[in-house]
Amino acid sequence: MGIRHHANGIVILELIQNKMQGKRNSEPGGAAAAPARAPNASVEHVLKLAATPQEFCAALAKLFGVRPTEVALMRLQKGLLSFLYPEQLKTAGSIPVSSSSAVAAHTASTKKTELFNAFVKVKHASIFESVKLNNPSDDVERTGQNAIQKLMSAPILDTNRKVLGVVQVCRKGFDVGTAGPDFTQDDLQQLELAAKVLASLPFVT
């Protein structure tokens, strides 16, 4: 395939959108159905086109219908999880894998995926939620809605099950009701697939 990517990962986003739109069009009476998911092989192929953490996370955000700033990608080095994305968190500090309050650290240490649809009830480090991540293009009414209400977290593992990092997708809002729909087991499986793709990409390995 001659296309790899171009600025802002537009090609990747269009491929994601086209794959999902095609699936929606092929499903009869799907008006009340859950958001469509492209076949795993298609999702994997499209995500592999990402050449940077920014492109990958933008594509992942498109897949789950969240804002790019609701996706986080961390790489594990010397016992610390450092942010590759969002950009604003790259200089905000790292998370020790030994941390007892960070969900990402728990994901890395247990090597298990996690899903929380009532995340505010979960004990977690909230320091990174205080960092302003809003893009200039965000709706005005969404500004300041930085509290994570729902979250999925998956470890990035190599073929020997060594932890390379953690990828997370969340929904933010003032409360659970304004944050959007709950994450599902299907969503979690898609995130696991994304983590598998990440394990083969040079910016993580």
Protein backbone atom coordinates (compact mmCIF):
# COMPACT_ATOMS: atom_id res chain seq x y z
CA MET A 1 0.00 0.00 0.00
CA GLY A 2 1.57 3.27 -1.08
CA ILE A 3 -0.02 5.45 1.63
CA ARG A 4 1.71 5.63 4.98
CA HIS A 5 0.54 8.88 6.55
CA HIS A 6 0.63 12.63 6.19
CA ALA A 7 0.31 15.65 8.49
CA ASN A 8 -1.95 15.15 11.52
CA GLY A 9 -2.68 11.56 10.55
CA ILE A 10 -5.62 12.60 8.33
CA VAL A 11 -5.24 9.54 6.13
CA ILE A 12 -5.41 7.28 9.18
CA LEU A 13 -8.52 8.99 10.51
CA GLU A 14 -10.24 8.76 7.13
CA LEU A 15 -9.47 5.06 6.91
CA ILE A 16 -10.87 4.47 10.40
CA GLN A 17 -13.99 6.44 9.52
CA ASN A 18 -14.47 4.67 6.20
CA LYS A 19 -14.05 1.22 7.72
CA MET A 20 -16.59 1.95 10.45
CA GLN A 21 -19.03 3.67 8.09
CA GLY A 22 -18.90 0.69 5.77
CA LYS A 23 -19.78 -1.64 8.61
CA ARG A 24 -22.67 0.58 9.72
CA ASN A 25 -24.06 0.62 6.19
CA SER A 26 -23.93 -3.17 5.99
CA GLU A 27 -25.90 -3.73 9.19
CA PRO A 28 -29.72 -3.74 8.81
CA GLY A 29 -31.76 -1.70 11.28
CA GLY A 30 -28.79 -0.61 13.33
CA ALA A 31 -30.24 2.71 14.51
CA ALA A 32 -30.54 1.60 18.13
CA ALA A 33 -27.45 -0.59 18.10
CA ALA A 34 -24.20 0.13 19.92
CA PRO A 35 -21.56 2.14 18.03
CA ALA A 36 -20.28 0.13 15.09
CA ARG A 37 -16.86 -1.47 15.23
CA ALA A 38 -14.77 -2.27 12.20
CA PRO A 39 -13.50 -5.85 11.89
CA ASN A 40 -10.43 -6.44 14.02
CA ALA A 41 -8.21 -7.05 11.00
CA SER A 42 -9.20 -3.67 9.55
CA VAL A 43 -8.66 -1.82 12.83
CA GLU A 44 -5.26 -3.45 13.29
CA HIS A 45 -4.21 -2.56 9.75
CA VAL A 46 -5.26 1.07 10.10
CA LEU A 47 -3.60 1.57 13.50
CA LYS A 48 -0.35 0.16 12.16
CA LEU A 49 -0.18 3.07 9.72
CA ALA A 50 0.50 5.48 12.60
CA ALA A 51 4.07 6.79 12.53
CA THR A 52 3.95 8.85 15.74
CA PRO A 53 2.25 8.66 19.16
CA GLN A 54 0.11 11.65 18.12
CA GLU A 55 -1.18 9.90 15.00
CA PHE A 56 -1.88 6.66 16.85
CA CYS A 57 -3.77 8.35 19.67
CA ALA A 58 -5.76 10.49 17.24
CA ALA A 59 -6.82 7.34 15.39
CA LEU A 60 -7.67 5.60 18.66
CA ALA A 61 -9.75 8.59 19.76
CA LYS A 62 -11.65 8.41 16.48
CA LEU A 63 -12.27 4.70 16.96
CA PHE A 64 -13.81 5.19 20.41
CA GLY A 65 -15.55 8.48 19.70
CA VAL A 66 -13.60 10.42 22.33
CA ARG A 67 -11.48 13.57 22.17
CA PRO A 68 -7.75 13.07 21.45
CA THR A 69 -6.99 14.41 24.94
CA GLU A 70 -9.01 11.51 26.38
CA VAL A 71 -6.35 9.06 25.18
CA ALA A 72 -3.08 8.53 27.06
CA LEU A 73 -0.02 6.58 25.97
CA MET A 74 2.83 5.80 28.35
CA ARG A 75 6.15 4.02 27.83
CA LEU A 76 7.86 2.09 30.62
CA GLN A 77 11.53 2.80 31.20
CA LYS A 78 13.57 2.05 34.32
CA GLY A 79 10.50 1.44 36.45
CA LEU A 80 8.77 4.68 35.41
CA LEU A 81 5.80 5.22 33.11
CA SER A 82 6.46 8.34 31.04
CA PHE A 83 3.83 9.99 28.85
CA LEU A 84 4.29 9.90 25.10
CA TYR A 85 0.85 11.48 24.70
CA PRO A 86 -0.88 13.88 25.45
CA GLU A 87 1.89 16.36 24.74
CA GLN A 88 1.01 18.48 27.79
CA LEU A 89 1.74 15.57 30.13
CA LYS A 90 5.18 14.75 28.73
CA THR A 91 6.73 17.30 31.09
CA ALA A 92 4.31 16.78 33.98
CA GLY A 93 6.26 13.92 35.52
CA SER A 94 6.39 10.13 35.44
CA ILE A 95 4.50 7.42 37.30
CA PRO A 96 6.49 4.84 39.29
CA VAL A 97 5.25 1.31 38.61
CA SER A 98 5.43 0.82 42.37
CA SER A 99 2.76 3.50 42.91
CA SER A 100 -0.24 2.27 44.89
CA SER A 101 -2.52 5.08 43.74
CA ALA A 102 -2.04 5.19 39.97
CA VAL A 103 -4.24 2.96 37.83
CA ALA A 104 -1.61 2.91 35.07
CA ALA A 105 0.93 1.53 37.53
CA HIS A 106 -1.53 -1.18 38.61
CA THR A 107 -2.16 -2.06 34.97
CA ALA A 108 1.56 -2.38 34.34
CA SER A 109 2.30 -4.40 37.46
CA THR A 110 -0.60 -6.85 37.03
CA LYS A 111 -0.38 -6.99 33.20
CA LYS A 112 -4.18 -6.97 33.10
CA THR A 113 -6.70 -4.77 31.33
CA GLU A 114 -9.09 -2.78 33.50
CA LEU A 115 -12.43 -1.07 32.91
CA PHE A 116 -14.11 1.47 35.20
CA ASN A 117 -17.46 3.09 34.38
CA ALA A 118 -17.60 4.80 37.78
CA PHE A 119 -13.99 5.93 37.93
CA VAL A 120 -14.55 8.72 40.45
CA LYS A 121 -15.27 6.00 43.04
CA VAL A 122 -11.89 4.39 42.38
CA LYS A 123 -8.89 5.43 44.46
CA HIS A 124 -6.48 7.02 41.98
CA ALA A 125 -3.86 9.72 41.56
CA SER A 126 -5.64 12.77 40.19
CA ILE A 127 -2.66 15.09 39.77
CA PHE A 128 -2.57 14.62 36.00
CA GLU A 129 -6.25 15.53 35.71
CA SER A 130 -5.37 19.04 36.91
CA VAL A 131 -3.23 19.68 33.82
CA LYS A 132 -5.11 21.69 31.19
CA LEU A 133 -5.39 19.56 28.04
CA ASN A 134 -8.17 21.29 26.13
CA ASN A 135 -7.49 21.97 22.47
CA PRO A 136 -8.39 25.41 21.07
CA SER A 137 -11.02 23.65 18.93
CA ASP A 138 -12.84 22.16 21.93
CA ASP A 139 -16.36 23.38 22.54
CA VAL A 140 -16.47 26.20 25.08
CA GLU A 141 -18.97 24.36 27.23
CA ARG A 142 -16.58 21.42 27.54
CA THR A 143 -13.72 23.54 28.83
CA GLY A 144 -12.77 22.56 32.36
CA GLN A 145 -14.42 19.16 32.28
CA ASN A 146 -11.20 17.40 33.22
CA ALA A 147 -12.53 14.88 35.74
CA ILE A 148 -12.18 11.33 34.43
CA GLN A 149 -15.54 9.61 34.82
CA LYS A 150 -14.94 6.41 32.83
CA LEU A 151 -11.67 4.73 31.96
CA MET A 152 -10.14 1.70 30.25
CA SER A 153 -6.52 0.77 30.80
CA ALA A 154 -4.45 -1.87 28.99
CA PRO A 155 -0.83 -3.02 29.29
CA ILE A 156 1.39 -3.02 26.20
CA LEU A 157 3.21 -6.35 26.21
CA ASP A 158 5.90 -7.75 23.92
CA THR A 159 5.94 -11.38 22.75
CA ASN A 160 7.61 -12.40 26.03
CA ARG A 161 4.93 -10.56 28.04
CA LYS A 162 7.41 -7.92 29.11
CA VAL A 163 5.62 -4.63 29.84
CA LEU A 164 6.51 -1.90 27.34
CA GLY A 165 3.94 0.63 28.50
CA VAL A 166 0.26 1.36 29.10
CA VAL A 167 -2.49 2.79 26.90
CA GLN A 168 -5.65 4.32 28.35
CA VAL A 169 -8.90 5.70 26.95
CA CYS A 170 -11.25 7.74 29.13
CA ARG A 171 -14.38 9.83 29.05
CA LYS A 172 -14.27 13.10 30.98
CA GLY A 173 -17.08 15.30 32.25
CA PHE A 174 -18.59 17.07 35.21
CA ASP A 175 -20.30 13.81 36.17
CA VAL A 176 -21.02 10.32 34.82
CA GLY A 177 -24.10 11.52 32.96
CA THR A 178 -22.26 14.18 30.95
CA ALA A 179 -19.26 11.98 30.16
CA GLY A 180 -20.95 9.86 27.51
CA PRO A 181 -21.82 6.16 27.22
CA ASP A 182 -20.29 3.42 29.33
CA PHE A 183 -17.37 1.47 27.96
CA THR A 184 -18.22 -2.13 27.05
CA GLN A 185 -16.35 -5.42 26.97
CA ASP A 186 -16.20 -5.02 23.19
CA ASP A 187 -14.48 -1.66 23.72
CA LEU A 188 -12.01 -3.32 26.07
CA GLN A 189 -11.21 -5.97 23.46
CA GLN A 190 -10.58 -3.23 20.91
CA LEU A 191 -8.20 -1.53 23.34
CA GLU A 192 -6.38 -4.81 23.88
CA LEU A 193 -5.98 -5.07 20.11
CA ALA A 194 -4.63 -1.51 20.01
CA ALA A 195 -2.13 -2.40 22.73
CA LYS A 196 -1.02 -5.40 20.67
CA VAL A 197 -0.42 -3.11 17.68
CA LEU A 198 1.50 -0.63 19.86
CA ALA A 199 3.89 -3.40 20.94
CA SER A 200 5.14 -3.57 17.35
CA LEU A 201 5.56 0.17 16.75
CA PRO A 202 9.02 1.77 17.03
CA PHE A 203 8.00 4.71 19.23
CA VAL A 204 7.02 2.29 22.01
CA THR A 205 9.60 -0.47 21.66
